[in-house]
Amino acid sequence: MADDGQERLRTEEGRAGGAALAGGEMLLSVGLLALALLAAYRLYLRWGTRNGPGGAARQGEAAALPRMKRRDFSLEQLREFDGARNPRILLAVNGKVFDVTKGSKFYGPEGPYGIFAGRDASRGLATFCLDKDALRDEYDDLSDLNAVQMESVREWEMQFKEKYDYVGRLLKPGEEPSEYTDEEDTKDHTKQE
């Protein structure tokens, strides 16, 4: 009879261990699915078709704009470059401002990521959220993001550096803009090409 009680105890322990293992496998599966979706999203951004309703016209308009001189932006100044009030489209990622006008199909007013135009897109990109509520109207120091989200922001920053022109910094409240020389501006633009 003592063996019967120990056998039941082993069976119950086995079930609990199996449930924990199944939970871990499920978490791993969800994590892998999230990584696959992220990879698909990035491929879509990089290689997505550039033609579409008005896409050629916007691409031509973007090509006609002169390269923007280096300068720093407050949040208010950045909002002017949303593709609606101004044909140039800028957005900030991790404190850096990029000219994404050539990607107007994605970041323009009708684009799937138009919500980021003229804004600090860091939080939305870190959390994979395209809701306007996810973006802040005041300076966002991102201090409440976890390590995985911050790594995602840094990866997005690298993607934008590779694809778009860096035009300056996003200023914190009270921070003074830097003064850039024409030589610094030219040197950086030739380095990106």
C-alpha atoms as a PDB file:
ATOM      1  CA  MET A   1       0.000   0.000   0.000  1.00  0.00           C
ATOM      2  CA  ALA A   2       2.877   2.361   0.638  1.00  0.00           C
ATOM      3  CA  ASP A   3       3.955   1.798  -2.958  1.00  0.00           C
ATOM      4  CA  ASP A   4       0.482   2.768  -4.199  1.00  0.00           C
ATOM      5  CA  GLY A   5       0.680   6.192  -2.441  1.00  0.00           C
ATOM      6  CA  GLN A   6       4.159   6.871  -3.800  1.00  0.00           C
ATOM      7  CA  GLU A   7       3.026   5.910  -7.293  1.00  0.00           C
ATOM      8  CA  ARG A   8       0.120   8.406  -7.106  1.00  0.00           C
ATOM      9  CA  LEU A   9       2.531  11.098  -5.888  1.00  0.00           C
ATOM     10  CA  ARG A  10       4.909  10.388  -8.803  1.00  0.00           C
ATOM     11  CA  THR A  11       1.982  10.537 -11.252  1.00  0.00           C
ATOM     12  CA  GLU A  12       0.805  13.909  -9.885  1.00  0.00           C
ATOM     13  CA  GLU A  13       4.366  15.290 -10.004  1.00  0.00           C
ATOM     14  CA  GLY A  14       4.682  14.053 -13.586  1.00  0.00           C
ATOM     15  CA  ARG A  15       1.463  15.831 -14.580  1.00  0.00           C
ATOM     16  CA  ALA A  16       2.609  19.102 -12.966  1.00  0.00           C
ATOM     17  CA  GLY A  17       6.001  18.857 -14.668  1.00  0.00           C
ATOM     18  CA  GLY A  18       4.302  18.098 -18.001  1.00  0.00           C
ATOM     19  CA  ALA A  19       2.029  21.143 -17.638  1.00  0.00           C
ATOM     20  CA  ALA A  20       5.023  23.369 -16.914  1.00  0.00           C
ATOM     21  CA  LEU A  21       6.849  21.921 -19.920  1.00  0.00           C
ATOM     22  CA  ALA A  22       3.811  22.488 -22.157  1.00  0.00           C
ATOM     23  CA  GLY A  23       3.583  26.102 -20.917  1.00  0.00           C
ATOM     24  CA  GLY A  24       7.250  26.644 -21.722  1.00  0.00           C
ATOM     25  CA  GLU A  25       6.815  25.153 -25.190  1.00  0.00           C
ATOM     26  CA  MET A  26       3.822  27.403 -25.796  1.00  0.00           C
ATOM     27  CA  LEU A  27       5.795  30.476 -24.723  1.00  0.00           C
ATOM     28  CA  LEU A  28       8.628  29.459 -27.028  1.00  0.00           C
ATOM     29  CA  SER A  29       6.167  28.980 -29.908  1.00  0.00           C
ATOM     30  CA  VAL A  30       4.633  32.411 -29.339  1.00  0.00           C
ATOM     31  CA  GLY A  31       8.115  33.935 -29.202  1.00  0.00           C
ATOM     32  CA  LEU A  32       9.137  32.270 -32.452  1.00  0.00           C
ATOM     33  CA  LEU A  33       5.898  33.402 -34.104  1.00  0.00           C
ATOM     34  CA  ALA A  34       6.578  36.987 -32.981  1.00  0.00           C
ATOM     35  CA  LEU A  35      10.112  36.828 -34.431  1.00  0.00           C
ATOM     36  CA  ALA A  36       8.778  35.445 -37.718  1.00  0.00           C
ATOM     37  CA  LEU A  37       6.205  38.244 -37.936  1.00  0.00           C
ATOM     38  CA  LEU A  38       8.896  40.834 -37.200  1.00  0.00           C
ATOM     39  CA  ALA A  39      11.123  39.392 -39.927  1.00  0.00           C
ATOM     40  CA  ALA A  40       8.236  39.410 -42.428  1.00  0.00           C
ATOM     41  CA  TYR A  41       7.388  43.004 -41.501  1.00  0.00           C
ATOM     42  CA  ARG A  42      10.979  44.147 -41.998  1.00  0.00           C
ATOM     43  CA  LEU A  43      11.215  42.367 -45.337  1.00  0.00           C
ATOM     44  CA  TYR A  44       7.982  44.035 -46.393  1.00  0.00           C
ATOM     45  CA  LEU A  45       9.398  47.449 -45.419  1.00  0.00           C
ATOM     46  CA  ARG A  46      12.633  46.832 -47.248  1.00  0.00           C
ATOM     47  CA  TRP A  47      11.428  45.036 -50.371  1.00  0.00           C
ATOM     48  CA  GLY A  48       7.714  45.941 -50.559  1.00  0.00           C
ATOM     49  CA  THR A  49       6.526  47.161 -53.916  1.00  0.00           C
ATOM     50  CA  ARG A  50       7.142  50.820 -54.525  1.00  0.00           C
ATOM     51  CA  ASN A  51       4.366  51.214 -57.057  1.00  0.00           C
ATOM     52  CA  GLY A  52       0.797  51.747 -56.057  1.00  0.00           C
ATOM     53  CA  PRO A  53      -1.870  54.419 -56.077  1.00  0.00           C
ATOM     54  CA  GLY A  54       0.095  57.652 -56.375  1.00  0.00           C
ATOM     55  CA  GLY A  55       3.338  55.873 -55.542  1.00  0.00           C
ATOM     56  CA  ALA A  56       5.171  56.963 -58.679  1.00  0.00           C
ATOM     57  CA  ALA A  57       4.047  60.565 -58.268  1.00  0.00           C
ATOM     58  CA  ARG A  58       5.158  60.645 -54.630  1.00  0.00           C
ATOM     59  CA  GLN A  59       8.489  59.036 -55.527  1.00  0.00           C
ATOM     60  CA  GLY A  60       9.022  61.690 -58.223  1.00  0.00           C
ATOM     61  CA  GLU A  61       8.096  64.457 -55.799  1.00  0.00           C
ATOM     62  CA  ALA A  62      10.505  63.041 -53.225  1.00  0.00           C
ATOM     63  CA  ALA A  63      13.303  62.914 -55.787  1.00  0.00           C
ATOM     64  CA  ALA A  64      12.671  66.562 -56.717  1.00  0.00           C
ATOM     65  CA  LEU A  65      13.207  67.768 -53.148  1.00  0.00           C
ATOM     66  CA  PRO A  66      16.754  68.910 -52.383  1.00  0.00           C
ATOM     67  CA  ARG A  67      18.647  67.052 -49.709  1.00  0.00           C
ATOM     68  CA  MET A  68      17.830  68.525 -46.330  1.00  0.00           C
ATOM     69  CA  LYS A  69      20.556  70.364 -44.462  1.00  0.00           C
ATOM     70  CA  ARG A  70      21.487  68.967 -41.070  1.00  0.00           C
ATOM     71  CA  ARG A  71      19.580  70.453 -38.142  1.00  0.00           C
ATOM     72  CA  ASP A  72      18.003  69.433 -34.854  1.00  0.00           C
ATOM     73  CA  PHE A  73      14.254  69.381 -34.191  1.00  0.00           C
ATOM     74  CA  SER A  74      11.907  69.905 -31.297  1.00  0.00           C
ATOM     75  CA  LEU A  75       8.759  67.767 -31.310  1.00  0.00           C
ATOM     76  CA  GLU A  76       6.754  70.775 -32.536  1.00  0.00           C
ATOM     77  CA  GLN A  77       9.152  71.393 -35.432  1.00  0.00           C
ATOM     78  CA  LEU A  78       9.144  67.703 -36.341  1.00  0.00           C
ATOM     79  CA  ARG A  79       5.325  67.641 -36.600  1.00  0.00           C
ATOM     80  CA  GLU A  80       5.462  70.048 -39.550  1.00  0.00           C
ATOM     81  CA  PHE A  81       7.052  67.308 -41.670  1.00  0.00           C
ATOM     82  CA  ASP A  82       4.123  64.880 -41.767  1.00  0.00           C
ATOM     83  CA  GLY A  83       3.712  64.682 -45.550  1.00  0.00           C
ATOM     84  CA  ALA A  84       0.423  66.601 -45.448  1.00  0.00           C
ATOM     85  CA  ARG A  85       1.496  70.128 -44.456  1.00  0.00           C
ATOM     86  CA  ASN A  86       4.898  69.704 -46.075  1.00  0.00           C
ATOM     87  CA  PRO A  87       5.837  67.240 -48.829  1.00  0.00           C
ATOM     88  CA  ARG A  88       8.922  66.198 -46.874  1.00  0.00           C
ATOM     89  CA  ILE A  89       8.349  63.421 -44.340  1.00  0.00           C
ATOM     90  CA  LEU A  90      10.513  63.111 -41.241  1.00  0.00           C
ATOM     91  CA  LEU A  91      10.302  60.814 -38.247  1.00  0.00           C
ATOM     92  CA  ALA A  92      12.419  60.192 -35.184  1.00  0.00           C
ATOM     93  CA  VAL A  93      13.738  56.898 -33.866  1.00  0.00           C
ATOM     94  CA  ASN A  94      15.732  56.705 -30.649  1.00  0.00           C
ATOM     95  CA  GLY A  95      16.461  60.442 -30.618  1.00  0.00           C
ATOM     96  CA  LYS A  96      17.561  60.599 -34.262  1.00  0.00           C
ATOM     97  CA  VAL A  97      15.546  62.247 -37.043  1.00  0.00           C
ATOM     98  CA  PHE A  98      15.404  60.649 -40.498  1.00  0.00           C
ATOM     99  CA  ASP A  99      14.089  61.939 -43.815  1.00  0.00           C
ATOM    100  CA  VAL A 100      11.782  59.137 -44.974  1.00  0.00           C
ATOM    101  CA  THR A 101      10.276  61.076 -47.888  1.00  0.00           C
ATOM    102  CA  LYS A 102      11.485  58.489 -50.393  1.00  0.00           C
ATOM    103  CA  GLY A 103       9.438  55.941 -48.426  1.00  0.00           C
ATOM    104  CA  SER A 104       6.282  58.060 -48.713  1.00  0.00           C
ATOM    105  CA  LYS A 105       4.306  55.016 -49.827  1.00  0.00           C
ATOM    106  CA  PHE A 106       4.768  53.694 -46.302  1.00  0.00           C
ATOM    107  CA  TYR A 107       5.083  56.881 -44.220  1.00  0.00           C
ATOM    108  CA  GLY A 108       2.911  59.291 -46.218  1.00  0.00           C
ATOM    109  CA  PRO A 109      -0.594  60.340 -45.124  1.00  0.00           C
ATOM    110  CA  GLU A 110      -2.231  57.311 -46.805  1.00  0.00           C
ATOM    111  CA  GLY A 111       0.585  54.894 -45.985  1.00  0.00           C
ATOM    112  CA  PRO A 112       0.252  52.042 -43.500  1.00  0.00           C
ATOM    113  CA  TYR A 113       2.806  53.730 -41.197  1.00  0.00           C
ATOM    114  CA  GLY A 114       1.655  57.301 -41.826  1.00  0.00           C
ATOM    115  CA  ILE A 115       0.905  57.559 -38.111  1.00  0.00           C
ATOM    116  CA  PHE A 116       4.663  57.919 -37.542  1.00  0.00           C
ATOM    117  CA  ALA A 117       5.131  60.832 -39.985  1.00  0.00           C
ATOM    118  CA  GLY A 118       6.289  63.969 -38.212  1.00  0.00           C
ATOM    119  CA  ARG A 119       6.500  62.127 -34.896  1.00  0.00           C
ATOM    120  CA  ASP A 120       8.808  60.182 -32.606  1.00  0.00           C
ATOM    121  CA  ALA A 121       8.089  56.629 -33.779  1.00  0.00           C
ATOM    122  CA  SER A 122      10.294  54.912 -31.173  1.00  0.00           C
ATOM    123  CA  ARG A 123       7.554  53.687 -28.834  1.00  0.00           C
ATOM    124  CA  GLY A 124       5.294  52.488 -31.652  1.00  0.00           C
ATOM    125  CA  LEU A 125       8.138  50.563 -33.281  1.00  0.00           C
ATOM    126  CA  ALA A 126       9.319  49.109 -29.957  1.00  0.00           C
ATOM    127  CA  THR A 127       5.865  47.845 -29.039  1.00  0.00           C
ATOM    128  CA  PHE A 128       4.707  47.017 -32.592  1.00  0.00           C
ATOM    129  CA  CYS A 129       1.710  49.277 -32.050  1.00  0.00           C
ATOM    130  CA  LEU A 130       0.263  51.446 -34.825  1.00  0.00           C
ATOM    131  CA  ASP A 131      -2.344  53.146 -32.623  1.00  0.00           C
ATOM    132  CA  LYS A 132      -2.081  56.890 -32.172  1.00  0.00           C
ATOM    133  CA  ASP A 133      -2.538  56.307 -28.430  1.00  0.00           C
ATOM    134  CA  ALA A 134       0.829  54.504 -28.357  1.00  0.00           C
ATOM    135  CA  LEU A 135       2.620  57.683 -29.454  1.00  0.00           C
ATOM    136  CA  ARG A 136       3.255  60.486 -27.005  1.00  0.00           C
ATOM    137  CA  ASP A 137       2.718  64.173 -27.662  1.00  0.00           C
ATOM    138  CA  GLU A 138       5.497  65.168 -25.260  1.00  0.00           C
ATOM    139  CA  TYR A 139       9.137  64.090 -25.284  1.00  0.00           C
ATOM    140  CA  ASP A 140       9.349  60.363 -24.582  1.00  0.00           C
ATOM    141  CA  ASP A 141      12.518  59.186 -22.830  1.00  0.00           C
ATOM    142  CA  LEU A 142      11.467  55.514 -23.306  1.00  0.00           C
ATOM    143  CA  SER A 143      12.611  54.755 -19.743  1.00  0.00           C
ATOM    144  CA  ASP A 144       9.669  52.426 -19.117  1.00  0.00           C
ATOM    145  CA  LEU A 145      10.479  50.110 -22.030  1.00  0.00           C
ATOM    146  CA  ASN A 146      11.962  46.726 -21.192  1.00  0.00           C
ATOM    147  CA  ALA A 147      15.294  45.429 -22.538  1.00  0.00           C
ATOM    148  CA  VAL A 148      13.714  43.565 -25.475  1.00  0.00           C
ATOM    149  CA  GLN A 149      11.770  46.662 -26.549  1.00  0.00           C
ATOM    150  CA  MET A 150      14.871  48.872 -26.287  1.00  0.00           C
ATOM    151  CA  GLU A 151      16.831  46.393 -28.392  1.00  0.00           C
ATOM    152  CA  SER A 152      14.026  46.558 -30.956  1.00  0.00           C
ATOM    153  CA  VAL A 153      14.287  50.375 -31.004  1.00  0.00           C
ATOM    154  CA  ARG A 154      18.040  50.134 -31.618  1.00  0.00           C
ATOM    155  CA  GLU A 155      17.481  47.638 -34.438  1.00  0.00           C
ATOM    156  CA  TRP A 156      14.920  49.962 -36.032  1.00  0.00           C
ATOM    157  CA  GLU A 157      17.372  52.831 -35.715  1.00  0.00           C
ATOM    158  CA  MET A 158      19.980  50.796 -37.617  1.00  0.00           C
ATOM    159  CA  GLN A 159      17.423  49.954 -40.322  1.00  0.00           C
ATOM    160  CA  PHE A 160      16.571  53.627 -40.780  1.00  0.00           C
ATOM    161  CA  LYS A 161      20.281  54.595 -40.864  1.00  0.00           C
ATOM    162  CA  GLU A 162      20.841  52.126 -43.704  1.00  0.00           C
ATOM    163  CA  LYS A 163      17.849  53.201 -45.765  1.00  0.00           C
ATOM    164  CA  TYR A 164      17.176  56.898 -45.100  1.00  0.00           C
ATOM    165  CA  ASP A 165      19.086  60.147 -44.612  1.00  0.00           C
ATOM    166  CA  TYR A 166      19.870  61.115 -41.039  1.00  0.00           C
ATOM    167  CA  VAL A 167      19.019  64.820 -40.743  1.00  0.00           C
ATOM    168  CA  GLY A 168      19.550  65.609 -37.057  1.00  0.00           C
ATOM    169  CA  ARG A 169      18.628  64.950 -33.452  1.00  0.00           C
ATOM    170  CA  LEU A 170      15.309  65.085 -31.645  1.00  0.00           C
ATOM    171  CA  LEU A 171      15.748  67.674 -28.916  1.00  0.00           C
ATOM    172  CA  LYS A 172      14.753  67.108 -25.313  1.00  0.00           C
ATOM    173  CA  PRO A 173      12.743  69.938 -23.724  1.00  0.00           C
ATOM    174  CA  GLY A 174      15.069  72.845 -22.976  1.00  0.00           C
ATOM    175  CA  GLU A 175      17.933  71.370 -25.024  1.00  0.00           C
ATOM    176  CA  GLU A 176      19.649  73.711 -27.468  1.00  0.00           C
ATOM    177  CA  PRO A 177      20.129  72.648 -31.099  1.00  0.00           C
ATOM    178  CA  SER A 178      23.608  71.947 -32.421  1.00  0.00           C
ATOM    179  CA  GLU A 179      25.112  74.120 -35.099  1.00  0.00           C
ATOM    180  CA  TYR A 180      26.237  72.067 -38.073  1.00  0.00           C
ATOM    181  CA  THR A 181      28.742  73.277 -40.639  1.00  0.00           C
ATOM    182  CA  ASP A 182      28.289  72.741 -44.359  1.00  0.00           C
ATOM    183  CA  GLU A 183      31.427  70.584 -44.273  1.00  0.00           C
ATOM    184  CA  GLU A 184      29.937  68.227 -41.639  1.00  0.00           C
ATOM    185  CA  ASP A 185      26.697  68.043 -43.592  1.00  0.00           C
ATOM    186  CA  THR A 186      28.403  67.255 -46.907  1.00  0.00           C
ATOM    187  CA  LYS A 187      30.813  64.751 -45.342  1.00  0.00           C
ATOM    188  CA  ASP A 188      27.978  62.814 -43.715  1.00  0.00           C
ATOM    189  CA  HIS A 189      25.822  62.749 -46.851  1.00  0.00           C
ATOM    190  CA  THR A 190      28.656  61.403 -49.009  1.00  0.00           C
ATOM    191  CA  LYS A 191      29.405  58.769 -46.352  1.00  0.00           C
ATOM    192  CA  GLN A 192      25.811  57.497 -46.555  1.00  0.00           C
ATOM    193  CA  GLU A 193      25.775  57.090 -50.335  1.00  0.00           C
END
